Amino acid sequence: MKPHIDTAQLLDLYPALVDLSPAQLAEVLAGAQVVDVPAGTALFGSGSPCRHFPFVLAGSIRVAKVGDGRELQLYRVGPG
């Protein structure tokens, strides 16, 4: 059984979703899933298609550019 999505929390963190129609919001929620990702896990790679959109509910995602054995942190994405 997949974890429950707290719709109120999602709408509080992402107020732009309030502008969706009930049918559009239901479609977003139908495809959404709560995932607990361990620190250091790569979600996307450079040049890879982005197949999912992460709504960060807790913690943060570090966005970095890697090349020539070096890493440059670009920014962090937190809740909301």
PDB file of N, CA and C in Angstrom:
ATOM      1  N   MET A   1       0.844  -1.179   0.000  1.00  0.00           N
ATOM      2  CA  MET A   1       0.000   0.000   0.000  1.00  0.00           C
ATOM      3  C   MET A   1       0.889   1.242   0.000  1.00  0.00           C
ATOM      4  N   LYS A   2       0.648   2.164  -0.926  1.00  0.00           N
ATOM      5  CA  LYS A   2       1.489   3.352  -0.992  1.00  0.00           C
ATOM      6  C   LYS A   2       1.068   4.362   0.074  1.00  0.00           C
ATOM      7  N   PRO A   3       2.045   5.163   0.585  1.00  0.00           N
ATOM      8  CA  PRO A   3       1.725   6.144   1.617  1.00  0.00           C
ATOM      9  C   PRO A   3       0.704   7.164   1.121  1.00  0.00           C
ATOM     10  N   HIS A   4      -0.102   7.654   2.032  1.00  0.00           N
ATOM     11  CA  HIS A   4      -1.146   8.631   1.733  1.00  0.00           C
ATOM     12  C   HIS A   4      -0.532   9.996   1.418  1.00  0.00           C
ATOM     13  N   ILE A   5      -1.054  10.652   0.408  1.00  0.00           N
ATOM     14  CA  ILE A   5      -0.621  12.007   0.064  1.00  0.00           C
ATOM     15  C   ILE A   5      -1.497  12.980   0.838  1.00  0.00           C
ATOM     16  N   ASP A   6      -0.870  13.826   1.630  1.00  0.00           N
ATOM     17  CA  ASP A   6      -1.589  14.833   2.401  1.00  0.00           C
ATOM     18  C   ASP A   6      -1.882  16.008   1.473  1.00  0.00           C
ATOM     19  N   THR A   7      -3.097  16.037   0.930  1.00  0.00           N
ATOM     20  CA  THR A   7      -3.474  17.064  -0.046  1.00  0.00           C
ATOM     21  C   THR A   7      -3.377  18.459   0.549  1.00  0.00           C
ATOM     22  N   ALA A   8      -3.788  18.632   1.796  1.00  0.00           N
ATOM     23  CA  ALA A   8      -3.733  19.950   2.438  1.00  0.00           C
ATOM     24  C   ALA A   8      -2.287  20.435   2.532  1.00  0.00           C
ATOM     25  N   GLN A   9      -1.356  19.535   2.897  1.00  0.00           N
ATOM     26  CA  GLN A   9       0.064  19.907   2.984  1.00  0.00           C
ATOM     27  C   GLN A   9       0.597  20.287   1.608  1.00  0.00           C
ATOM     28  N   LEU A  10       0.248  19.508   0.604  1.00  0.00           N
ATOM     29  CA  LEU A  10       0.713  19.775  -0.758  1.00  0.00           C
ATOM     30  C   LEU A  10       0.220  21.137  -1.242  1.00  0.00           C
ATOM     31  N   LEU A  11      -1.054  21.439  -1.011  1.00  0.00           N
ATOM     32  CA  LEU A  11      -1.615  22.726  -1.436  1.00  0.00           C
ATOM     33  C   LEU A  11      -1.028  23.877  -0.637  1.00  0.00           C
ATOM     34  N   ASP A  12      -0.710  23.645   0.628  1.00  0.00           N
ATOM     35  CA  ASP A  12      -0.097  24.685   1.454  1.00  0.00           C
ATOM     36  C   ASP A  12       1.313  25.003   0.953  1.00  0.00           C
ATOM     37  N   LEU A  13       2.077  23.957   0.626  1.00  0.00           N
ATOM     38  CA  LEU A  13       3.449  24.162   0.153  1.00  0.00           C
ATOM     39  C   LEU A  13       3.517  24.659  -1.285  1.00  0.00           C
ATOM     40  N   TYR A  14       2.554  24.269  -2.099  1.00  0.00           N
ATOM     41  CA  TYR A  14       2.552  24.615  -3.523  1.00  0.00           C
ATOM     42  C   TYR A  14       1.234  25.313  -3.879  1.00  0.00           C
ATOM     43  N   PRO A  15       1.097  26.597  -3.498  1.00  0.00           N
ATOM     44  CA  PRO A  15      -0.169  27.313  -3.692  1.00  0.00           C
ATOM     45  C   PRO A  15      -0.611  27.438  -5.151  1.00  0.00           C
ATOM     46  N   ALA A  16       0.287  27.297  -6.102  1.00  0.00           N
ATOM     47  CA  ALA A  16      -0.107  27.352  -7.517  1.00  0.00           C
ATOM     48  C   ALA A  16      -1.065  26.217  -7.862  1.00  0.00           C
ATOM     49  N   LEU A  17      -1.004  25.113  -7.115  1.00  0.00           N
ATOM     50  CA  LEU A  17      -1.900  23.988  -7.382  1.00  0.00           C
ATOM     51  C   LEU A  17      -3.349  24.325  -7.060  1.00  0.00           C
ATOM     52  N   VAL A  18      -3.569  25.343  -6.225  1.00  0.00           N
ATOM     53  CA  VAL A  18      -4.930  25.753  -5.867  1.00  0.00           C
ATOM     54  C   VAL A  18      -5.676  26.240  -7.108  1.00  0.00           C
ATOM     55  N   ASP A  19      -4.945  26.764  -8.090  1.00  0.00           N
ATOM     56  CA  ASP A  19      -5.564  27.281  -9.317  1.00  0.00           C
ATOM     57  C   ASP A  19      -6.039  26.180 -10.260  1.00  0.00           C
ATOM     58  N   LEU A  20      -5.656  24.941  -9.997  1.00  0.00           N
ATOM     59  CA  LEU A  20      -6.106  23.830 -10.839  1.00  0.00           C
ATOM     60  C   LEU A  20      -7.582  23.539 -10.582  1.00  0.00           C
ATOM     61  N   SER A  21      -8.259  23.074 -11.602  1.00  0.00           N
ATOM     62  CA  SER A  21      -9.640  22.635 -11.417  1.00  0.00           C
ATOM     63  C   SER A  21      -9.615  21.361 -10.573  1.00  0.00           C
ATOM     64  N   PRO A  22     -10.731  21.009  -9.948  1.00  0.00           N
ATOM     65  CA  PRO A  22     -10.757  19.756  -9.182  1.00  0.00           C
ATOM     66  C   PRO A  22     -10.342  18.543 -10.023  1.00  0.00           C
ATOM     67  N   ALA A  23     -10.725  18.510 -11.296  1.00  0.00           N
ATOM     68  CA  ALA A  23     -10.355  17.389 -12.168  1.00  0.00           C
ATOM     69  C   ALA A  23      -8.850  17.382 -12.432  1.00  0.00           C
ATOM     70  N   GLN A  24      -8.272  18.556 -12.646  1.00  0.00           N
ATOM     71  CA  GLN A  24      -6.828  18.638 -12.891  1.00  0.00           C
ATOM     72  C   GLN A  24      -6.048  18.237 -11.649  1.00  0.00           C
ATOM     73  N   LEU A  25      -6.492  18.701 -10.472  1.00  0.00           N
ATOM     74  CA  LEU A  25      -5.820  18.334  -9.229  1.00  0.00           C
ATOM     75  C   LEU A  25      -5.931  16.831  -8.991  1.00  0.00           C
ATOM     76  N   ALA A  26      -7.089  16.264  -9.274  1.00  0.00           N
ATOM     77  CA  ALA A  26      -7.271  14.819  -9.120  1.00  0.00           C
ATOM     78  C   ALA A  26      -6.322  14.055 -10.036  1.00  0.00           C
ATOM     79  N   GLU A  27      -6.090  14.576 -11.236  1.00  0.00           N
ATOM     80  CA  GLU A  27      -5.164  13.924 -12.180  1.00  0.00           C
ATOM     81  C   GLU A  27      -3.735  13.974 -11.653  1.00  0.00           C
ATOM     82  N   VAL A  28      -3.331  15.123 -11.092  1.00  0.00           N
ATOM     83  CA  VAL A  28      -1.993  15.246 -10.511  1.00  0.00           C
ATOM     84  C   VAL A  28      -1.841  14.265  -9.352  1.00  0.00           C
ATOM     85  N   LEU A  29      -2.831  14.218  -8.478  1.00  0.00           N
ATOM     86  CA  LEU A  29      -2.764  13.341  -7.308  1.00  0.00           C
ATOM     87  C   LEU A  29      -2.806  11.866  -7.691  1.00  0.00           C
ATOM     88  N   ALA A  30      -3.519  11.542  -8.768  1.00  0.00           N
ATOM     89  CA  ALA A  30      -3.612  10.142  -9.204  1.00  0.00           C
ATOM     90  C   ALA A  30      -2.244   9.604  -9.624  1.00  0.00           C
ATOM     91  N   GLY A  31      -1.405  10.466 -10.190  1.00  0.00           N
ATOM     92  CA  GLY A  31      -0.083  10.035 -10.633  1.00  0.00           C
ATOM     93  C   GLY A  31       1.002  10.270  -9.606  1.00  0.00           C
ATOM     94  N   ALA A  32       0.642  10.881  -8.480  1.00  0.00           N
ATOM     95  CA  ALA A  32       1.642  11.227  -7.463  1.00  0.00           C
ATOM     96  C   ALA A  32       1.887  10.063  -6.512  1.00  0.00           C
ATOM     97  N   GLN A  33       3.087  10.044  -5.991  1.00  0.00           N
ATOM     98  CA  GLN A  33       3.412   9.051  -4.968  1.00  0.00           C
ATOM     99  C   GLN A  33       4.398   9.657  -3.986  1.00  0.00           C
ATOM    100  N   VAL A  34       4.268   9.264  -2.746  1.00  0.00           N
ATOM    101  CA  VAL A  34       5.188   9.707  -1.706  1.00  0.00           C
ATOM    102  C   VAL A  34       6.392   8.771  -1.739  1.00  0.00           C
ATOM    103  N   VAL A  35       7.589   9.362  -1.844  1.00  0.00           N
ATOM    104  CA  VAL A  35       8.814   8.576  -1.907  1.00  0.00           C
ATOM    105  C   VAL A  35       9.800   9.148  -0.894  1.00  0.00           C
ATOM    106  N   ASP A  36      10.340   8.291  -0.065  1.00  0.00           N
ATOM    107  CA  ASP A  36      11.376   8.684   0.879  1.00  0.00           C
ATOM    108  C   ASP A  36      12.705   8.315   0.231  1.00  0.00           C
ATOM    109  N   VAL A  37      13.458   9.336  -0.157  1.00  0.00           N
ATOM    110  CA  VAL A  37      14.701   9.117  -0.901  1.00  0.00           C
ATOM    111  C   VAL A  37      15.900   9.292   0.029  1.00  0.00           C
ATOM    112  N   PRO A  38      16.741   8.267   0.147  1.00  0.00           N
ATOM    113  CA  PRO A  38      17.932   8.386   1.006  1.00  0.00           C
ATOM    114  C   PRO A  38      18.888   9.476   0.505  1.00  0.00           C
ATOM    115  N   ALA A  39      19.560  10.120   1.442  1.00  0.00           N
ATOM    116  CA  ALA A  39      20.548  11.152   1.105  1.00  0.00           C
ATOM    117  C   ALA A  39      21.572  10.591   0.125  1.00  0.00           C
ATOM    118  N   GLY A  40      21.956  11.410  -0.844  1.00  0.00           N
ATOM    119  CA  GLY A  40      22.973  11.012  -1.810  1.00  0.00           C
ATOM    120  C   GLY A  40      22.436  10.281  -3.028  1.00  0.00           C
ATOM    121  N   THR A  41      21.134  10.018  -3.063  1.00  0.00           N
ATOM    122  CA  THR A  41      20.536   9.316  -4.196  1.00  0.00           C
ATOM    123  C   THR A  41      20.370  10.273  -5.375  1.00  0.00           C
ATOM    124  N   ALA A  42      20.823   9.874  -6.557  1.00  0.00           N
ATOM    125  CA  ALA A  42      20.647  10.683  -7.763  1.00  0.00           C
ATOM    126  C   ALA A  42      19.228  10.487  -8.285  1.00  0.00           C
ATOM    127  N   LEU A  43      18.503  11.588  -8.449  1.00  0.00           N
ATOM    128  CA  LEU A  43      17.146  11.514  -8.988  1.00  0.00           C
ATOM    129  C   LEU A  43      17.143  11.645 -10.503  1.00  0.00           C
ATOM    130  N   PHE A  44      18.019  12.495 -11.016  1.00  0.00           N
ATOM    131  CA  PHE A  44      18.125  12.741 -12.448  1.00  0.00           C
ATOM    132  C   PHE A  44      19.595  12.884 -12.796  1.00  0.00           C
ATOM    133  N   GLY A  45      19.910  12.635 -14.051  1.00  0.00           N
ATOM    134  CA  GLY A  45      21.274  12.828 -14.525  1.00  0.00           C
ATOM    135  C   GLY A  45      21.294  13.825 -15.666  1.00  0.00           C
ATOM    136  N   SER A  46      22.427  14.438 -15.877  1.00  0.00           N
ATOM    137  CA  SER A  46      22.583  15.398 -16.965  1.00  0.00           C
ATOM    138  C   SER A  46      22.286  14.730 -18.297  1.00  0.00           C
ATOM    139  N   GLY A  47      21.419  15.330 -19.067  1.00  0.00           N
ATOM    140  CA  GLY A  47      21.068  14.786 -20.370  1.00  0.00           C
ATOM    141  C   GLY A  47      19.955  13.754 -20.337  1.00  0.00           C
ATOM    142  N   SER A  48      19.551  13.329 -19.156  1.00  0.00           N
ATOM    143  CA  SER A  48      18.467  12.359 -19.029  1.00  0.00           C
ATOM    144  C   SER A  48      17.127  13.079 -19.074  1.00  0.00           C
ATOM    145  N   PRO A  49      16.128  12.454 -19.653  1.00  0.00           N
ATOM    146  CA  PRO A  49      14.810  13.098 -19.631  1.00  0.00           C
ATOM    147  C   PRO A  49      14.254  13.122 -18.207  1.00  0.00           C
ATOM    148  N   CYS A  50      13.575  14.180 -17.870  1.00  0.00           N
ATOM    149  CA  CYS A  50      12.942  14.303 -16.560  1.00  0.00           C
ATOM    150  C   CYS A  50      11.545  13.706 -16.679  1.00  0.00           C
ATOM    151  N   ARG A  51      11.349  12.524 -16.151  1.00  0.00           N
ATOM    152  CA  ARG A  51      10.076  11.813 -16.277  1.00  0.00           C
ATOM    153  C   ARG A  51       9.112  12.091 -15.126  1.00  0.00           C
ATOM    154  N   HIS A  52       9.600  12.744 -14.079  1.00  0.00           N
ATOM    155  CA  HIS A  52       8.781  13.031 -12.909  1.00  0.00           C
ATOM    156  C   HIS A  52       9.092  14.439 -12.426  1.00  0.00           C
ATOM    157  N   PHE A  53       8.150  15.019 -11.720  1.00  0.00           N
ATOM    158  CA  PHE A  53       8.362  16.333 -11.123  1.00  0.00           C
ATOM    159  C   PHE A  53       8.324  16.166  -9.616  1.00  0.00           C
ATOM    160  N   PRO A  54       9.425  16.415  -8.913  1.00  0.00           N
ATOM    161  CA  PRO A  54       9.416  16.218  -7.464  1.00  0.00           C
ATOM    162  C   PRO A  54       8.781  17.402  -6.732  1.00  0.00           C
ATOM    163  N   PHE A  55       7.745  17.128  -5.968  1.00  0.00           N
ATOM    164  CA  PHE A  55       7.195  18.088  -5.028  1.00  0.00           C
ATOM    165  C   PHE A  55       7.873  17.767  -3.697  1.00  0.00           C
ATOM    166  N   VAL A  56       8.795  18.599  -3.283  1.00  0.00           N
ATOM    167  CA  VAL A  56       9.548  18.339  -2.060  1.00  0.00           C
ATOM    168  C   VAL A  56       8.673  18.693  -0.864  1.00  0.00           C
ATOM    169  N   LEU A  57       8.422  17.710   0.001  1.00  0.00           N
ATOM    170  CA  LEU A  57       7.585  17.910   1.185  1.00  0.00           C
ATOM    171  C   LEU A  57       8.423  18.112   2.437  1.00  0.00           C
ATOM    172  N   ALA A  58       9.624  17.539   2.464  1.00  0.00           N
ATOM    173  CA  ALA A  58      10.539  17.665   3.605  1.00  0.00           C
ATOM    174  C   ALA A  58      11.958  17.458   3.098  1.00  0.00           C
ATOM    175  N   GLY A  59      12.910  18.052   3.793  1.00  0.00           N
ATOM    176  CA  GLY A  59      14.299  17.922   3.370  1.00  0.00           C
ATOM    177  C   GLY A  59      14.602  18.829   2.193  1.00  0.00           C
ATOM    178  N   SER A  60      15.569  18.446   1.387  1.00  0.00           N
ATOM    179  CA  SER A  60      15.928  19.253   0.219  1.00  0.00           C
ATOM    180  C   SER A  60      16.587  18.380  -0.837  1.00  0.00           C
ATOM    181  N   ILE A  61      16.566  18.890  -2.042  1.00  0.00           N
ATOM    182  CA  ILE A  61      17.241  18.247  -3.178  1.00  0.00           C
ATOM    183  C   ILE A  61      18.368  19.177  -3.600  1.00  0.00           C
ATOM    184  N   ARG A  62      19.545  18.624  -3.712  1.00  0.00           N
ATOM    185  CA  ARG A  62      20.706  19.402  -4.143  1.00  0.00           C
ATOM    186  C   ARG A  62      20.865  19.223  -5.642  1.00  0.00           C
ATOM    187  N   VAL A  63      20.943  20.335  -6.349  1.00  0.00           N
ATOM    188  CA  VAL A  63      21.129  20.305  -7.799  1.00  0.00           C
ATOM    189  C   VAL A  63      22.577  20.695  -8.076  1.00  0.00           C
ATOM    190  N   ALA A  64      23.285  19.806  -8.793  1.00  0.00           N
ATOM    191  CA  ALA A  64      24.708  20.036  -9.037  1.00  0.00           C
ATOM    192  C   ALA A  64      25.066  19.653 -10.463  1.00  0.00           C
ATOM    193  N   LYS A  65      26.112  20.243 -10.954  1.00  0.00           N
ATOM    194  CA  LYS A  65      26.673  19.924 -12.267  1.00  0.00           C
ATOM    195  C   LYS A  65      27.977  19.182 -12.019  1.00  0.00           C
ATOM    196  N   VAL A  66      28.116  18.016 -12.636  1.00  0.00           N
ATOM    197  CA  VAL A  66      29.310  17.203 -12.452  1.00  0.00           C
ATOM    198  C   VAL A  66      30.062  17.116 -13.777  1.00  0.00           C
ATOM    199  N   GLY A  67      31.372  17.296 -13.723  1.00  0.00           N
ATOM    200  CA  GLY A  67      32.177  17.175 -14.930  1.00  0.00           C
ATOM    201  C   GLY A  67      33.647  17.170 -14.585  1.00  0.00           C
ATOM    202  N   ASP A  68      34.424  16.409 -15.337  1.00  0.00           N
ATOM    203  CA  ASP A  68      35.879  16.326 -15.125  1.00  0.00           C
ATOM    204  C   ASP A  68      36.225  15.959 -13.687  1.00  0.00           C
ATOM    205  N   GLY A  69      35.403  15.106 -13.072  1.00  0.00           N
ATOM    206  CA  GLY A  69      35.675  14.679 -11.713  1.00  0.00           C
ATOM    207  C   GLY A  69      35.383  15.725 -10.657  1.00  0.00           C
ATOM    208  N   ARG A  70      34.808  16.843 -11.073  1.00  0.00           N
ATOM    209  CA  ARG A  70      34.500  17.923 -10.143  1.00  0.00           C
ATOM    210  C   ARG A  70      33.000  18.126 -10.097  1.00  0.00           C
ATOM    211  N   GLU A  71      32.539  18.680  -8.997  1.00  0.00           N
ATOM    212  CA  GLU A  71      31.115  18.913  -8.816  1.00  0.00           C
ATOM    213  C   GLU A  71      30.883  20.359  -8.405  1.00  0.00           C
ATOM    214  N   LEU A  72      29.908  20.997  -9.038  1.00  0.00           N
ATOM    215  CA  LEU A  72      29.551  22.375  -8.708  1.00  0.00           C
ATOM    216  C   LEU A  72      28.097  22.379  -8.263  1.00  0.00           C
ATOM    217  N   GLN A  73      27.860  22.723  -7.002  1.00  0.00           N
ATOM    218  CA  GLN A  73      26.487  22.815  -6.540  1.00  0.00           C
ATOM    219  C   GLN A  73      25.868  24.077  -7.105  1.00  0.00           C
ATOM    220  N   LEU A  74      24.720  23.923  -7.766  1.00  0.00           N
ATOM    221  CA  LEU A  74      24.043  25.059  -8.377  1.00  0.00           C
ATOM    222  C   LEU A  74      23.035  25.694  -7.424  1.00  0.00           C
ATOM    223  N   TYR A  75      22.204  24.854  -6.798  1.00  0.00           N
ATOM    224  CA  TYR A  75      21.214  25.357  -5.852  1.00  0.00           C
ATOM    225  C   TYR A  75      20.578  24.177  -5.126  1.00  0.00           C
ATOM    226  N   ARG A  76      19.723  24.481  -4.162  1.00  0.00           N
ATOM    227  CA  ARG A  76      18.973  23.471  -3.433  1.00  0.00           C
ATOM    228  C   ARG A  76      17.483  23.773  -3.607  1.00  0.00           C
ATOM    229  N   VAL A  77      16.699  22.706  -3.636  1.00  0.00           N
ATOM    230  CA  VAL A  77      15.248  22.833  -3.721  1.00  0.00           C
ATOM    231  C   VAL A  77      14.679  22.268  -2.424  1.00  0.00           C
ATOM    232  N   GLY A  78      13.913  23.083  -1.718  1.00  0.00           N
ATOM    233  CA  GLY A  78      13.306  22.648  -0.469  1.00  0.00           C
ATOM    234  C   GLY A  78      11.806  22.578  -0.595  1.00  0.00           C
ATOM    235  N   PRO A  79      11.124  22.300   0.479  1.00  0.00           N
ATOM    236  CA  PRO A  79       9.672  22.226   0.439  1.00  0.00           C
ATOM    237  C   PRO A  79       9.054  23.530  -0.090  1.00  0.00           C
ATOM    238  N   GLY A  80       8.108  23.382  -0.989  1.00  0.00           N
ATOM    239  CA  GLY A  80       7.415  24.537  -1.548  1.00  0.00           C
ATOM    240  C   GLY A  80       8.178  25.215  -2.634  1.00  0.00           C
TER     241      GLY A  80
END
